[in-house]
Protein backbone atom coordinates (compact mmCIF):
# COMPACT_ATOMS: atom_id res chain seq x y z
CA UNK A 1 17.85 -6.90 4.95
CA UNK A 2 14.15 -7.37 4.28
CA UNK A 3 12.63 -9.32 1.41
CA UNK A 4 11.31 -6.42 -0.68
CA UNK A 5 13.92 -7.13 -3.39
CA UNK A 6 14.86 -10.81 -2.94
CA UNK A 7 16.80 -11.12 -6.24
CA UNK A 8 18.98 -8.11 -5.39
CA UNK A 9 19.48 -9.43 -1.88
CA UNK A 10 20.65 -12.77 -3.22
CA UNK A 11 23.07 -11.09 -5.64
CA UNK A 12 24.47 -8.97 -2.81
CA UNK A 13 25.09 -11.93 -0.51
CA UNK A 14 26.84 -13.93 -3.24
CA UNK A 15 29.29 -11.17 -4.21
CA UNK A 16 32.81 -12.21 -3.24
CA UNK A 17 34.49 -8.88 -2.68
CA UNK A 18 33.68 -6.01 -0.35
CA UNK A 19 34.02 -3.61 -3.25
CA UNK A 20 31.45 -5.47 -5.28
CA UNK A 21 29.15 -5.62 -2.30
CA UNK A 22 29.34 -1.85 -1.83
CA UNK A 23 28.70 -1.23 -5.52
CA UNK A 24 25.70 -3.53 -5.52
CA UNK A 25 24.41 -1.94 -2.32
CA UNK A 26 24.58 1.47 -3.96
CA UNK A 27 22.69 0.16 -6.99
CA UNK A 28 20.06 -1.35 -4.72
CA UNK A 29 19.55 1.87 -2.75
CA UNK A 30 19.40 3.89 -5.96
CA UNK A 31 16.84 1.59 -7.52
CA UNK A 32 14.76 1.59 -4.35
CA UNK A 33 14.87 5.37 -4.11
CA UNK A 34 13.91 5.74 -7.76
CA UNK A 35 10.95 3.43 -7.37
CA UNK A 36 9.81 5.28 -4.25
CA UNK A 37 10.08 8.67 -6.02
CA UNK A 38 8.14 7.49 -9.07
CA UNK A 39 5.38 5.95 -7.01
CA UNK A 40 5.05 8.78 -4.45
CA UNK A 41 5.82 11.99 -6.30
CA UNK A 42 2.12 12.80 -6.92
CA UNK A 43 0.84 11.71 -3.52
CA UNK A 44 0.32 14.11 -0.59
CA UNK A 45 2.65 13.67 2.37
CA UNK A 46 1.41 11.24 5.01
CA UNK A 47 2.09 11.16 8.71
CA UNK A 48 4.44 8.44 9.84
CA UNK A 49 2.77 6.38 12.55
CA UNK A 50 5.15 4.42 14.77
CA UNK A 51 4.56 0.69 14.81
CA UNK A 52 3.40 0.82 18.43
CA UNK A 53 0.43 2.98 17.39
CA UNK A 54 -0.72 0.71 14.60
CA UNK A 55 -3.49 -1.31 16.18
CA UNK A 56 -6.53 -3.32 15.28
CA UNK A 57 -9.98 -1.74 15.09
CA UNK A 58 -10.96 -3.41 18.37
CA UNK A 59 -8.17 -3.05 20.96
CA UNK A 60 -7.09 -6.36 22.40
CA UNK A 61 -7.03 -6.89 26.18
CA UNK A 62 -3.71 -7.08 27.96
CA UNK A 63 -2.83 -10.18 29.95
CA UNK A 64 -0.62 -8.10 32.24
CA UNK A 65 -2.24 -5.77 34.82
CA UNK A 66 -1.50 -2.08 34.32
CA UNK A 67 -2.38 1.15 36.16
CA UNK A 68 -6.01 2.28 35.80
CA UNK A 69 -6.96 -0.94 34.09
CA UNK A 70 -10.29 -0.75 35.92
CA UNK A 71 -11.38 2.04 33.54
CA UNK A 72 -11.14 -0.15 30.48
CA UNK A 73 -13.89 -2.11 28.77
CA UNK A 74 -11.81 -5.35 28.62
CA UNK A 75 -11.41 -5.21 32.42
CA UNK A 76 -15.10 -4.49 32.97
CA UNK A 77 -15.94 -7.39 30.66
CA UNK A 78 -13.60 -9.83 32.36
CA UNK A 79 -14.65 -9.38 35.97
CA UNK A 80 -17.70 -10.79 37.75
CA UNK A 81 -20.64 -8.96 39.32
CA UNK A 82 -22.42 -10.51 42.27
CA UNK A 83 -24.73 -8.88 44.77
CA UNK A 84 -28.13 -9.12 46.41
CA UNK A 85 -30.71 -6.68 47.74
CA UNK A 86 -30.63 -5.87 51.42
CA UNK A 87 -33.66 -5.44 53.69
CA UNK A 88 -36.55 -3.44 52.20
CA UNK A 89 -37.77 -0.46 54.25
CA UNK A 90 -41.12 0.80 52.97
CA UNK A 91 -40.94 4.43 51.93
CA UNK A 92 -44.30 5.10 50.29
CA UNK A 93 -47.30 3.38 48.78
CA UNK A 94 -50.08 4.30 46.37
CA UNK A 95 -52.62 2.52 44.21
CA UNK A 96 -50.01 1.64 41.59
CA UNK A 97 -46.84 0.69 43.44
CA UNK A 98 -44.91 0.45 46.68
CA UNK A 99 -41.48 1.98 47.03
CA UNK A 100 -38.74 0.86 49.39
CA UNK A 101 -35.38 2.18 50.46
CA UNK A 102 -32.87 -0.64 50.23
CA UNK A 103 -29.21 -1.28 49.49
CA UNK A 104 -26.83 -3.74 47.85
CA UNK A 105 -23.11 -4.48 47.95
CA UNK A 106 -20.82 -3.12 45.25
CA UNK A 107 -17.24 -4.25 45.76
CA UNK A 108 -17.52 -3.95 49.51
CA UNK A 109 -19.45 -0.68 49.55
CA UNK A 110 -23.06 -0.35 50.64
CA UNK A 111 -24.91 1.36 47.80
CA UNK A 112 -28.40 2.64 48.56
CA UNK A 113 -31.33 2.97 46.23
CA UNK A 114 -35.05 3.44 45.87
CA UNK A 115 -36.77 0.24 44.75
CA UNK A 116 -40.26 0.67 43.30
CA UNK A 117 -42.43 -2.42 42.79
CA UNK A 118 -45.79 -2.28 40.93
CA UNK A 119 -48.78 -3.56 42.89
CA UNK A 120 -49.76 -7.17 42.31
CA UNK A 121 -46.35 -8.14 40.95
CA UNK A 122 -44.49 -8.82 44.18
CA UNK A 123 -44.62 -12.60 43.71
CA UNK A 124 -44.01 -12.73 39.95
CA UNK A 125 -41.01 -12.28 37.68
CA UNK A 126 -41.18 -8.79 36.22
CA UNK A 127 -39.17 -6.66 33.79
CA UNK A 128 -36.97 -4.21 35.65
CA UNK A 129 -34.95 -1.06 35.03
CA UNK A 130 -31.75 0.02 36.75
CA UNK A 131 -32.29 3.78 36.84
CA UNK A 132 -29.03 5.77 36.93
CA UNK A 133 -29.06 9.44 37.83
CA UNK A 134 -27.12 12.15 36.04
CA UNK A 135 -24.70 14.58 37.61
CA UNK A 136 -25.99 16.19 40.78
CA UNK A 137 -23.48 17.44 43.36
CA UNK A 138 -23.16 14.39 45.63
CA UNK A 139 -24.01 16.34 48.78
CA UNK A 140 -27.21 17.64 47.16
CA UNK A 141 -28.48 14.35 45.77
CA UNK A 142 -31.36 12.73 47.69
CA UNK A 143 -32.50 9.11 47.39
CA UNK A 144 -36.22 9.72 47.73
CA UNK A 145 -36.44 13.10 45.97
CA UNK A 146 -34.25 13.20 42.87
CA UNK A 147 -36.00 12.02 39.66
CA UNK A 148 -39.24 11.24 41.52
CA UNK A 149 -41.53 11.98 38.55
CA UNK A 150 -39.42 9.83 36.20
CA UNK A 151 -39.58 6.81 38.52
CA UNK A 152 -43.30 7.35 39.12
CA UNK A 153 -44.09 7.22 35.39
CA UNK A 154 -42.10 4.03 34.77
CA UNK A 155 -43.49 2.24 37.84
CA UNK A 156 -47.07 3.10 36.90
CA UNK A 157 -46.42 1.36 33.58
CA UNK A 158 -45.53 -1.95 35.20
CA UNK A 159 -41.76 -1.84 35.61
CA UNK A 160 -39.77 -2.59 38.72
CA UNK A 161 -37.50 0.44 38.99
CA UNK A 162 -34.29 0.44 41.01
CA UNK A 163 -33.01 4.01 41.18
CA UNK A 164 -29.55 3.59 42.59
CA UNK A 165 -27.51 6.23 44.41
CA UNK A 166 -24.07 5.99 42.86
CA UNK A 167 -21.28 5.70 45.42
CA UNK A 168 -20.63 8.82 47.42
CA UNK A 169 -24.16 10.18 46.83
CA UNK A 170 -26.47 10.79 49.79
CA UNK A 171 -25.96 7.81 52.13
CA UNK A 172 -24.15 5.48 49.71
CA UNK A 173 -20.70 4.54 50.92
CA UNK A 174 -17.48 5.40 49.12
CA UNK A 175 -16.29 8.49 47.33
CA UNK A 176 -17.91 9.66 44.12
CA UNK A 177 -15.54 8.63 41.35
CA UNK A 178 -16.97 10.72 38.52
CA UNK A 179 -18.58 9.49 35.35
CA UNK A 180 -15.98 9.67 32.59
CA UNK A 181 -12.58 8.87 34.07
CA UNK A 182 -13.47 6.11 36.51
CA UNK A 183 -14.95 2.63 36.36
CA UNK A 184 -16.64 2.98 39.76
CA UNK A 185 -20.10 3.93 38.53
CA UNK A 186 -20.18 1.21 35.87
CA UNK A 187 -19.34 -1.33 38.56
CA UNK A 188 -22.16 0.04 40.75
CA UNK A 189 -24.62 -0.27 37.86
CA UNK A 190 -23.67 -3.83 36.97
CA UNK A 191 -23.73 -4.94 40.61
CA UNK A 192 -27.22 -3.41 40.88
CA UNK A 193 -28.25 -5.44 37.86
CA UNK A 194 -26.81 -8.56 39.50
CA UNK A 195 -28.75 -7.83 42.71
CA UNK A 196 -32.04 -7.51 40.82
CA UNK A 197 -31.32 -10.67 38.85
CA UNK A 198 -31.34 -12.85 41.99
CA UNK A 199 -34.42 -11.23 43.54
CA UNK A 200 -37.73 -13.10 43.77
CA UNK A 201 -39.75 -10.59 41.75
CA UNK A 202 -37.54 -9.77 38.73
CA UNK A 203 -36.95 -11.71 35.53
CA UNK A 204 -33.12 -11.86 35.27
CA UNK A 205 -33.34 -11.81 31.46
CA UNK A 206 -35.44 -8.64 31.37
CA UNK A 207 -33.36 -6.00 33.12
CA UNK A 208 -32.69 -2.78 31.20
CA UNK A 209 -30.78 0.41 31.95
CA UNK A 210 -31.89 4.04 31.98
CA UNK A 211 -29.42 6.91 32.19
CA UNK A 212 -29.48 10.70 32.05
CA UNK A 213 -26.74 13.16 31.10
CA UNK A 214 -23.45 11.95 32.64
CA UNK A 215 -24.98 8.51 32.97
CA UNK A 216 -25.40 8.29 29.22
CA UNK A 217 -21.69 7.47 29.35
CA UNK A 218 -22.13 5.23 32.41
CA UNK A 219 -24.93 3.04 31.02
CA UNK A 220 -23.37 2.87 27.56
CA UNK A 221 -20.08 1.66 28.99
CA UNK A 222 -22.05 -0.85 31.06
CA UNK A 223 -23.82 -1.87 27.83
CA UNK A 224 -20.44 -2.47 26.17
CA UNK A 225 -19.20 -4.39 29.20
CA UNK A 226 -22.17 -6.79 29.33
CA UNK A 227 -23.37 -7.49 25.83
CA UNK A 228 -26.55 -9.27 26.94
CA UNK A 229 -28.28 -6.21 28.40
CA UNK A 230 -31.52 -6.18 26.37
CA UNK A 231 -32.39 -2.48 26.39
CA UNK A 232 -30.80 0.87 27.20
CA UNK A 233 -32.54 4.25 27.19
CA UNK A 234 -30.54 7.47 27.42
CA UNK A 235 -31.87 10.97 27.96
CA UNK A 236 -29.57 13.85 26.94
CA UNK A 237 -26.46 11.72 27.33
CA UNK A 238 -22.83 12.63 26.73
CA UNK A 239 -19.39 11.18 26.01
CA UNK A 240 -19.32 7.97 23.99
CA UNK A 241 -16.15 8.24 21.89
CA UNK A 242 -14.21 10.67 24.15
CA UNK A 243 -13.24 12.51 21.01
CA UNK A 244 -16.77 13.91 21.22
CA UNK A 245 -15.95 15.21 24.72
CA UNK A 246 -13.00 17.13 23.31
CA UNK A 247 -15.14 18.51 20.51
CA UNK A 248 -18.40 19.42 22.25
CA UNK A 249 -17.51 19.66 25.97
CA UNK A 250 -20.28 20.10 28.57
CA UNK A 251 -21.71 23.37 29.87
CA UNK A 252 -22.84 22.44 33.37
CA UNK A 253 -22.86 25.36 35.78
CA UNK A 254 -23.75 23.06 38.68
CA UNK A 255 -20.54 21.03 38.34
CA UNK A 256 -18.35 21.12 41.43
CA UNK A 257 -14.84 19.74 40.88
CA UNK A 258 -13.56 17.55 43.71
CA UNK A 259 -11.39 19.29 46.29
CA UNK A 260 -7.70 18.78 45.47
CA UNK A 261 -7.04 16.73 48.61
CA UNK A 262 -9.64 14.05 47.82
CA UNK A 263 -8.86 10.57 46.52
CA UNK A 264 -10.81 11.29 43.35
CA UNK A 265 -8.73 14.39 42.59
CA UNK A 266 -5.49 12.55 43.34
CA UNK A 267 -6.38 9.66 41.06
CA UNK A 268 -7.43 12.04 38.29
CA UNK A 269 -4.06 13.82 38.45
CA UNK A 270 -2.21 10.51 38.42
CA UNK A 271 -4.26 9.27 35.47
CA UNK A 272 -3.40 12.27 33.30
CA UNK A 273 0.23 12.32 34.40
CA UNK A 274 0.61 8.70 33.34
CA UNK A 275 -1.40 8.64 30.11
CA UNK A 276 -1.93 12.28 29.19
CA UNK A 277 -5.23 13.71 28.02
CA UNK A 278 -7.39 11.53 25.82
CA UNK A 279 -5.65 10.54 22.59
CA UNK A 280 -7.35 8.16 20.11
CA UNK A 281 -3.91 6.80 19.16
CA UNK A 282 -3.19 5.70 22.72
CA UNK A 283 -3.68 1.99 23.32
CA UNK A 284 -4.80 2.74 26.88
CA UNK A 285 -7.41 5.34 25.95
CA UNK A 286 -8.73 3.18 23.14
CA UNK A 287 -9.61 0.54 25.72
CA UNK A 288 -11.69 3.05 27.67
CA UNK A 289 -13.91 4.04 24.71
CA UNK A 290 -17.14 1.97 24.64
CA UNK A 291 -17.78 2.49 20.93
CA UNK A 292 -14.63 0.45 20.24
CA UNK A 293 -16.35 -2.58 21.78
CA UNK A 294 -19.69 -2.99 20.06
CA UNK A 295 -19.06 -6.57 19.00
CA UNK A 296 -21.29 -9.17 20.62
CA UNK A 297 -23.92 -6.71 21.84
CA UNK A 298 -27.43 -8.09 21.45
CA UNK A 299 -29.53 -5.33 23.03
CA UNK A 300 -31.15 -2.17 21.67
CA UNK A 301 -30.56 1.54 22.31
CA UNK A 302 -32.96 4.47 22.39
CA UNK A 303 -31.76 8.06 22.80
CA UNK A 304 -33.88 11.13 23.51
CA UNK A 305 -32.38 14.60 23.25
CA UNK A 306 -33.68 18.17 22.97
CA UNK A 307 -32.14 20.42 20.37
CA UNK A 308 -32.28 23.31 22.85
CA UNK A 309 -30.29 21.43 25.52
CA UNK A 310 -27.96 24.08 27.03
CA UNK A 311 -25.80 21.56 28.90
CA UNK A 312 -25.12 18.64 26.55
CA UNK A 313 -24.80 19.30 22.83
CA UNK A 314 -27.19 17.17 20.78
CA UNK A 315 -24.28 16.35 18.47
CA UNK A 316 -23.18 13.79 21.07
CA UNK A 317 -26.32 11.79 20.31
CA UNK A 318 -26.18 12.31 16.56
CA UNK A 319 -22.58 11.16 16.45
CA UNK A 320 -23.40 8.00 18.39
CA UNK A 321 -26.24 7.26 15.96
CA UNK A 322 -23.83 7.56 13.05
CA UNK A 323 -21.55 5.00 14.70
CA UNK A 324 -24.40 2.60 15.48
CA UNK A 325 -25.58 2.86 11.88
CA UNK A 326 -22.59 0.71 11.00
CA UNK A 327 -23.57 -2.07 13.42
CA UNK A 328 -26.45 -4.57 13.74
CA UNK A 329 -27.44 -3.00 17.09
CA UNK A 330 -31.05 -1.72 16.93
CA UNK A 331 -31.01 1.99 17.73
CA UNK A 332 -33.17 5.09 17.51
CA UNK A 333 -32.81 8.78 18.23
CA UNK A 334 -35.69 11.14 18.94
CA UNK A 335 -35.04 14.87 18.83
CA UNK A 336 -37.27 17.46 20.48
CA UNK A 337 -37.40 21.21 19.83
CA UNK A 338 -37.93 22.00 23.52
CA UNK A 339 -37.51 20.49 26.94
CA UNK A 340 -33.96 21.53 27.72
CA UNK A 341 -31.49 19.24 29.41
CA UNK A 342 -34.05 17.48 31.62
CA UNK A 343 -36.66 17.16 28.83
CA UNK A 344 -39.31 18.84 30.93
CA UNK A 345 -42.65 20.53 30.19
CA UNK A 346 -44.82 19.16 27.40
CA UNK A 347 -41.83 17.23 26.07
CA UNK A 348 -41.64 15.10 29.21
CA UNK A 349 -44.80 13.09 28.53
CA UNK A 350 -43.83 12.51 24.91
CA UNK A 351 -40.37 11.25 25.86
CA UNK A 352 -41.72 9.08 28.66
CA UNK A 353 -44.30 7.53 26.35
CA UNK A 354 -41.56 6.56 23.91
CA UNK A 355 -39.35 5.30 26.73
CA UNK A 356 -42.10 3.04 28.06
CA UNK A 357 -42.93 1.73 24.58
CA UNK A 358 -39.26 0.96 23.95
CA UNK A 359 -38.81 -0.91 27.23
CA UNK A 360 -42.03 -2.89 26.72
CA UNK A 361 -40.89 -3.87 23.24
CA UNK A 362 -37.42 -4.97 24.35
CA UNK A 363 -38.06 -6.20 27.90
CA UNK A 364 -41.63 -7.42 27.61
CA UNK A 365 -44.47 -6.72 30.01
């Protein structure tokens, strides 16, 4: 018996006859039931949560490996990231910067990217940005074409920009793992950061992240995995709590699901067969959610989102701001009445100006 009624328990144990024990047990049950009725009769019914689902606010890492552990923030926090830039092949040059096509290693895969270095800074330690593209069908993505105007604006304002091609895109090796149910892209981002950190022309303490759309999730999970990232900027990002994904979804007509015979499709099926769809009560899924791991983060977050975005609901960004309001993490959200999902037109310059100001404030010049 438990210790809720120690005096009754003691009386029960000291009774000498079975009959007395049964009588006392009946009294005990009756008293307990009466107390429960009196204290609960005016309360609404509550769901009974099994003990296995009662967990701490921040899920604790498991010491025993388990399937799909590589998706979780504790795993991404525990592992190391080491890489270096490969040979630089000049792609273009203008009065402001020189751009190169290069690569780096990410867990044995060659990941390509466009590295843009401002003129006159090649021999000094500069602030840098790992620039992470949003969803573009992998076969349509191009290293030197996609997001060209975004990179141009940042480079002209003095930042080294490394626009990486996530695995499986253009000439990067590997299969595209997808943004929300894989750890592959986060690993690519953090290995890119590691490669910049050991380069001759980047200050390792001044490397920020920029992400668009799908990569709002990617860079925010990377932010949760490495708490010393000084600055993260997200444009029209999605999926931070995973409950938001269930609530708001994404309306992307360009999305092409992986063919059923691919490794990505197989792993996705296995993931959902093992753990089911996202459930905030699941200990596994709780370890995937980056907003459950905001402790120890020292950097700042800026989000830019248009209210007329037809792809990603602005409520994703508003919900994240509400969560960050309860933390010491510096954060800001700018909303725009136009610009759509890519924040184009007259909105583009306004958003870029704020992005540059934010990075200069948090990375330095």
